[in-house]
Amino acid sequence: MTIDICSMERTRYYFAAHCNAQGKMWSNLCLFHHRQGYSYLLRRSVCEQQISELKKYAIFSKVTIIPDNNIALLGIAGVDARFVLSNFFNLLPNAKTSMIEEDETVILWFSEPKERFLLATTFIKAQQLKDKLIAVAQFNNSNQWVALDIEAGIPIIDSPNSAKLIPQATNLQMFNAISFKKGCYIGQEIVTRTKFRGTNKHALYWLLGKCSLVPKLTDSMELQIGSKWRKTGIILSAVKLEDGNISAQVVLNNNLKPDSIFRLNDDNEGKFTIQTLPYSMIQ
């Protein structure tokens, strides 16, 4: 892992990356203390590969690494999210205590793009909460949470993009997800060299616009240069919003002009522009 696990506080969660020997991420993840060990959240599509790679090093320790398929994730967002949840839990996380564990439920706090909470709980507890919230909340599928992650600039790594990108190319340094002081880990030499030599040429962007179809992860974006278009970037995620716009998370060159224009590959009617992320970029 790219973070120093030994320095993790019990009341906070941490973003991290798990890399291969070339410094490319198998996945990014959200890691926290849980019961007598650790738990982490990652995209389902990369779960099997990521755990398989991590288990290669577990043989040297008395540790068990397994996916927990008995956990439901429930995201709560909106101006009244804190008030509504306060009716069900004694304590809620905040900026200083970003993770709370109460009975069978772990609650994570996110500040961007608006205050929101992610609950990891049992299926029974999740259903009980949904039954109680149905009168006061509007329910949606996971695309709504993905849209918020895109706007927050939190990288979304699914299987087509696993082992393609170094952590800095997805802005993970902005979340203190990379320790440059901890001991060795797989890929550390590349990740550290990239930092101190300033050789990272990519960054994660939030693009917003229109196109005929929601971009797939295997599609390409094109950058307008004069009257021509040049293929560029790696699409990490894209969702269609209620207003018809497409919100996309794309890794691009980190020297782009803020007013750059993009389109989906060969989509003559499409147009995307760069949106502002809630953090200032550092390498």
Protein backbone atom coordinates (compact mmCIF):
# COMPACT_ATOMS: atom_id res chain seq x y z
CA MET A 1 0.00 0.00 0.00
CA THR A 2 1.16 3.53 -0.69
CA ILE A 3 0.25 4.79 2.79
CA ASP A 4 1.87 4.06 6.15
CA ILE A 5 -0.66 1.70 7.71
CA CYS A 6 1.12 1.78 11.07
CA SER A 7 0.35 5.49 11.46
CA MET A 8 -3.38 5.17 10.73
CA GLU A 9 -5.72 6.56 13.38
CA ARG A 10 -8.66 4.41 14.42
CA THR A 11 -11.19 7.18 13.85
CA ARG A 12 -10.22 8.08 10.30
CA TYR A 13 -10.30 6.43 6.90
CA TYR A 14 -7.48 6.78 4.37
CA PHE A 15 -7.21 6.69 0.61
CA ALA A 16 -4.40 4.53 -0.73
CA ALA A 17 -3.20 2.71 -3.83
CA HIS A 18 -2.00 -0.84 -4.39
CA CYS A 19 0.64 -0.93 -7.14
CA ASN A 20 2.49 -3.46 -9.25
CA ALA A 21 6.27 -3.50 -9.68
CA GLN A 22 6.03 -0.81 -12.38
CA GLY A 23 4.26 1.56 -9.98
CA LYS A 24 0.95 1.15 -11.82
CA MET A 25 -2.15 0.77 -9.65
CA TRP A 26 -4.04 -2.47 -9.43
CA SER A 27 -6.58 -0.31 -7.68
CA ASN A 28 -7.09 2.58 -5.35
CA LEU A 29 -9.00 1.96 -2.14
CA CYS A 30 -10.45 3.45 1.03
CA LEU A 31 -8.82 1.84 4.09
CA PHE A 32 -9.76 1.97 7.79
CA HIS A 33 -9.44 0.10 11.08
CA HIS A 34 -12.30 -2.33 11.59
CA ARG A 35 -12.83 -4.62 14.57
CA GLN A 36 -9.55 -6.46 15.17
CA GLY A 37 -8.11 -5.77 11.73
CA TYR A 38 -8.59 -3.57 8.69
CA SER A 39 -11.23 -3.20 6.03
CA TYR A 40 -11.13 -1.41 2.73
CA LEU A 41 -13.54 -0.43 -0.01
CA LEU A 42 -12.78 -0.73 -3.70
CA ARG A 43 -14.60 -1.23 -6.97
CA ARG A 44 -16.11 -4.69 -7.38
CA SER A 45 -14.64 -5.11 -10.87
CA VAL A 46 -11.04 -5.02 -9.54
CA CYS A 47 -11.68 -6.94 -6.32
CA GLU A 48 -10.64 -10.41 -7.46
CA GLN A 49 -7.41 -9.29 -9.15
CA GLN A 50 -6.44 -6.93 -6.33
CA ILE A 51 -6.94 -9.52 -3.59
CA SER A 52 -5.08 -12.14 -5.62
CA GLU A 53 -2.06 -9.82 -5.89
CA LEU A 54 -2.19 -8.84 -2.21
CA LYS A 55 -2.38 -12.46 -1.08
CA LYS A 56 1.03 -13.12 -2.64
CA TYR A 57 2.55 -11.27 0.32
CA ALA A 58 0.15 -12.56 2.98
CA ILE A 59 1.89 -15.95 3.00
CA PHE A 60 4.67 -14.41 5.08
CA SER A 61 2.28 -13.29 7.83
CA LYS A 62 -0.60 -14.64 9.87
CA VAL A 63 -3.23 -12.69 7.99
CA THR A 64 -6.43 -13.51 6.13
CA ILE A 65 -7.61 -11.43 3.18
CA ILE A 66 -11.13 -12.12 1.95
CA PRO A 67 -13.92 -10.15 0.28
CA ASP A 68 -16.87 -9.54 2.60
CA ASN A 69 -19.93 -10.22 0.47
CA ASN A 70 -22.29 -9.77 3.41
CA ILE A 71 -21.96 -5.99 3.53
CA ALA A 72 -24.28 -3.47 1.88
CA LEU A 73 -23.18 0.06 0.98
CA LEU A 74 -25.65 2.89 1.36
CA GLY A 75 -24.78 6.46 0.39
CA ILE A 76 -26.61 9.40 1.98
CA ALA A 77 -26.22 12.89 0.46
CA GLY A 78 -28.13 16.15 0.52
CA VAL A 79 -28.59 19.21 2.71
CA ASP A 80 -30.47 17.25 5.39
CA ALA A 81 -28.27 14.15 5.33
CA ARG A 82 -26.72 14.77 8.75
CA PHE A 83 -30.03 15.62 10.37
CA VAL A 84 -31.74 12.53 8.96
CA LEU A 85 -28.95 10.17 10.04
CA SER A 86 -28.85 11.68 13.53
CA ASN A 87 -32.24 10.06 14.10
CA PHE A 88 -30.68 6.61 13.69
CA PHE A 89 -27.14 6.88 15.09
CA ASN A 90 -25.74 8.26 18.35
CA LEU A 91 -22.67 9.77 16.68
CA LEU A 92 -21.85 10.83 13.13
CA PRO A 93 -18.41 11.35 11.58
CA ASN A 94 -17.01 14.75 10.68
CA ALA A 95 -13.82 16.43 9.47
CA LYS A 96 -11.82 15.41 12.56
CA THR A 97 -13.36 11.98 12.99
CA SER A 98 -14.05 10.82 9.45
CA MET A 99 -15.01 7.25 10.41
CA ILE A 100 -17.45 6.07 13.07
CA GLU A 101 -18.31 2.46 13.93
CA GLU A 102 -21.59 1.81 15.72
CA ASP A 103 -22.78 -1.75 16.29
CA GLU A 104 -22.74 -3.40 12.85
CA THR A 105 -22.39 -0.19 10.85
CA VAL A 106 -19.36 1.78 9.70
CA ILE A 107 -20.07 5.37 8.63
CA LEU A 108 -17.60 7.34 6.50
CA TRP A 109 -17.80 11.13 6.08
CA PHE A 110 -17.03 12.99 2.84
CA SER A 111 -16.88 16.76 2.52
CA GLU A 112 -16.93 17.11 -1.27
CA PRO A 113 -18.70 18.09 -3.41
CA LYS A 114 -21.18 18.39 -0.52
CA GLU A 115 -21.41 16.74 2.87
CA ARG A 116 -22.31 13.08 2.41
CA PHE A 117 -22.03 9.79 4.23
CA LEU A 118 -21.27 6.24 3.14
CA LEU A 119 -22.64 3.46 5.33
CA ALA A 120 -21.19 -0.06 5.28
CA THR A 121 -23.61 -2.29 7.13
CA THR A 122 -25.45 -5.60 7.06
CA PHE A 123 -28.13 -6.22 4.46
CA ILE A 124 -30.74 -6.39 7.21
CA LYS A 125 -29.68 -3.05 8.72
CA ALA A 126 -29.51 -1.44 5.27
CA GLN A 127 -33.05 -2.56 4.47
CA GLN A 128 -34.29 -1.29 7.84
CA LEU A 129 -32.76 2.12 7.13
CA LYS A 130 -34.23 2.23 3.63
CA ASP A 131 -37.67 1.35 4.96
CA LYS A 132 -37.48 4.22 7.46
CA LEU A 133 -36.03 6.71 4.97
CA ILE A 134 -38.42 6.05 2.11
CA ALA A 135 -40.80 8.76 3.29
CA VAL A 136 -38.15 11.50 3.48
CA ALA A 137 -35.48 10.55 0.94
CA GLN A 138 -35.22 10.14 -2.81
CA PHE A 139 -33.54 6.88 -3.79
CA ASN A 140 -31.25 6.37 -6.76
CA ASN A 141 -28.75 3.83 -8.04
CA SER A 142 -24.99 3.95 -7.50
CA ASN A 143 -24.49 6.26 -10.49
CA GLN A 144 -25.53 9.18 -8.30
CA TRP A 145 -22.70 8.42 -5.87
CA VAL A 146 -20.29 7.95 -8.77
CA ALA A 147 -21.29 11.38 -10.08
CA LEU A 148 -20.45 12.90 -6.70
CA ASP A 149 -17.07 11.12 -6.64
CA ILE A 150 -16.33 12.47 -10.12
CA GLU A 151 -17.16 16.00 -8.98
CA ALA A 152 -15.04 15.51 -5.84
CA GLY A 153 -12.07 14.36 -7.92
CA ILE A 154 -11.84 10.96 -6.22
CA PRO A 155 -10.38 8.49 -8.75
CA ILE A 156 -12.54 5.57 -9.86
CA ILE A 157 -10.48 2.60 -11.05
CA ASP A 158 -12.38 -0.24 -12.71
CA SER A 159 -10.86 -3.35 -14.29
CA PRO A 160 -10.24 -1.92 -17.80
CA ASN A 161 -7.91 0.67 -16.24
CA SER A 162 -6.25 -1.54 -13.63
CA ALA A 163 -2.42 -1.61 -13.88
CA LYS A 164 -2.38 1.35 -16.30
CA LEU A 165 -1.73 4.41 -14.15
CA ILE A 166 0.64 5.53 -11.42
CA PRO A 167 -1.08 7.04 -8.33
CA GLN A 168 -0.01 10.62 -9.14
CA ALA A 169 -1.72 10.43 -12.54
CA THR A 170 -5.06 10.19 -10.72
CA ASN A 171 -4.41 12.99 -8.20
CA LEU A 172 -4.11 10.61 -5.24
CA GLN A 173 -1.36 12.81 -3.79
CA MET A 174 -4.08 15.39 -3.18
CA PHE A 175 -5.69 13.00 -0.68
CA ASN A 176 -2.46 12.24 1.22
CA ALA A 177 -2.75 8.75 -0.23
CA ILE A 178 0.99 8.40 -0.87
CA SER A 179 3.59 8.27 1.90
CA PHE A 180 7.15 9.10 0.86
CA LYS A 181 8.55 8.24 4.31
CA LYS A 182 7.32 4.68 4.91
CA GLY A 183 9.27 1.50 4.24
CA CYS A 184 9.42 -0.36 0.96
CA TYR A 185 6.37 -1.51 -0.95
CA ILE A 186 5.91 -2.90 -4.44
CA GLY A 187 6.25 -0.08 -6.97
CA GLN A 188 7.67 2.39 -4.44
CA GLU A 189 10.80 3.14 -6.46
CA ILE A 190 8.77 4.29 -9.47
CA VAL A 191 6.24 6.25 -7.41
CA THR A 192 8.95 8.01 -5.39
CA ARG A 193 11.15 8.73 -8.40
CA THR A 194 8.19 10.26 -10.20
CA LYS A 195 7.62 12.57 -7.23
CA PHE A 196 11.17 13.83 -6.74
CA ARG A 197 12.11 14.03 -10.41
CA GLY A 198 8.84 15.73 -11.32
CA THR A 199 8.24 13.33 -14.20
CA ASN A 200 4.48 12.86 -13.85
CA LYS A 201 2.84 14.29 -16.96
CA HIS A 202 -0.77 13.40 -16.23
CA ALA A 203 -3.63 14.43 -13.97
CA LEU A 204 -7.22 13.51 -13.31
CA TYR A 205 -9.85 15.88 -14.74
CA TRP A 206 -13.57 16.36 -14.41
CA LEU A 207 -15.20 16.96 -17.80
CA LEU A 208 -18.81 18.00 -18.31
CA GLY A 209 -20.69 18.16 -21.57
CA LYS A 210 -22.88 16.51 -24.16
CA CYS A 211 -22.45 13.51 -26.40
CA SER A 212 -24.69 11.06 -28.20
CA LEU A 213 -23.86 8.14 -25.89
CA VAL A 214 -22.45 7.77 -22.39
CA PRO A 215 -18.71 7.13 -22.89
CA LYS A 216 -17.43 3.64 -22.18
CA LEU A 217 -14.10 3.06 -20.45
CA THR A 218 -12.71 1.69 -23.70
CA ASP A 219 -13.65 4.84 -25.64
CA SER A 220 -11.31 7.74 -26.34
CA MET A 221 -11.67 11.47 -25.89
CA GLU A 222 -10.40 13.94 -28.48
CA LEU A 223 -8.84 17.34 -27.80
CA GLN A 224 -9.57 20.21 -30.19
CA ILE A 225 -6.41 21.75 -31.63
CA GLY A 226 -7.35 24.48 -34.07
CA SER A 227 -9.69 22.92 -36.61
CA LYS A 228 -8.46 19.38 -35.89
CA TRP A 229 -8.98 16.83 -33.16
CA ARG A 230 -6.34 14.70 -31.42
CA LYS A 231 -7.11 11.50 -29.55
CA THR A 232 -6.14 11.76 -25.89
CA GLY A 233 -6.76 10.53 -22.37
CA ILE A 234 -8.04 7.52 -20.46
CA ILE A 235 -11.69 7.53 -19.40
CA LEU A 236 -12.09 6.30 -15.82
CA SER A 237 -15.82 6.84 -15.40
CA ALA A 238 -18.80 8.58 -16.98
CA VAL A 239 -22.45 9.00 -15.98
CA LYS A 240 -25.46 10.79 -17.42
CA LEU A 241 -26.93 13.43 -15.11
CA GLU A 242 -30.59 14.32 -14.65
CA ASP A 243 -30.17 17.48 -16.76
CA GLY A 244 -28.91 15.42 -19.71
CA ASN A 245 -25.26 16.38 -19.35
CA ILE A 246 -22.53 13.76 -19.20
CA SER A 247 -20.11 13.94 -16.27
CA ALA A 248 -16.81 12.19 -17.01
CA GLN A 249 -13.61 11.46 -15.13
CA VAL A 250 -10.63 11.37 -17.48
CA VAL A 251 -6.86 11.20 -17.06
CA LEU A 252 -5.21 13.70 -19.41
CA ASN A 253 -1.97 15.61 -19.82
CA ASN A 254 -1.49 17.91 -16.83
CA ASN A 255 -0.55 20.98 -18.90
CA LEU A 256 -3.91 21.58 -20.56
CA LYS A 257 -5.42 25.04 -20.82
CA PRO A 258 -8.54 25.51 -18.65
CA ASP A 259 -10.63 26.40 -21.72
CA SER A 260 -9.68 23.27 -23.69
CA ILE A 261 -12.50 21.65 -25.68
CA PHE A 262 -13.02 17.90 -25.94
CA ARG A 263 -15.41 15.47 -27.58
CA LEU A 264 -15.97 11.74 -27.54
CA ASN A 265 -14.10 10.04 -30.36
CA ASP A 266 -15.62 11.09 -33.74
CA ASP A 267 -18.74 12.56 -32.09
CA ASN A 268 -19.18 15.69 -34.21
CA GLU A 269 -22.07 16.98 -32.12
CA GLY A 270 -20.43 16.42 -28.75
CA LYS A 271 -18.55 18.91 -26.60
CA PHE A 272 -16.90 18.66 -23.17
CA THR A 273 -15.19 21.31 -21.07
CA ILE A 274 -12.94 21.14 -18.00
CA GLN A 275 -14.65 21.72 -14.66
CA THR A 276 -13.01 22.93 -11.45
CA LEU A 277 -12.11 20.29 -8.87
CA PRO A 278 -12.28 21.11 -5.14
CA TYR A 279 -8.49 21.08 -4.73
CA SER A 280 -5.48 22.84 -6.22
CA MET A 281 -3.17 20.56 -8.14
CA ILE A 282 0.31 19.72 -6.85
CA GLN A 283 2.69 17.15 -8.22
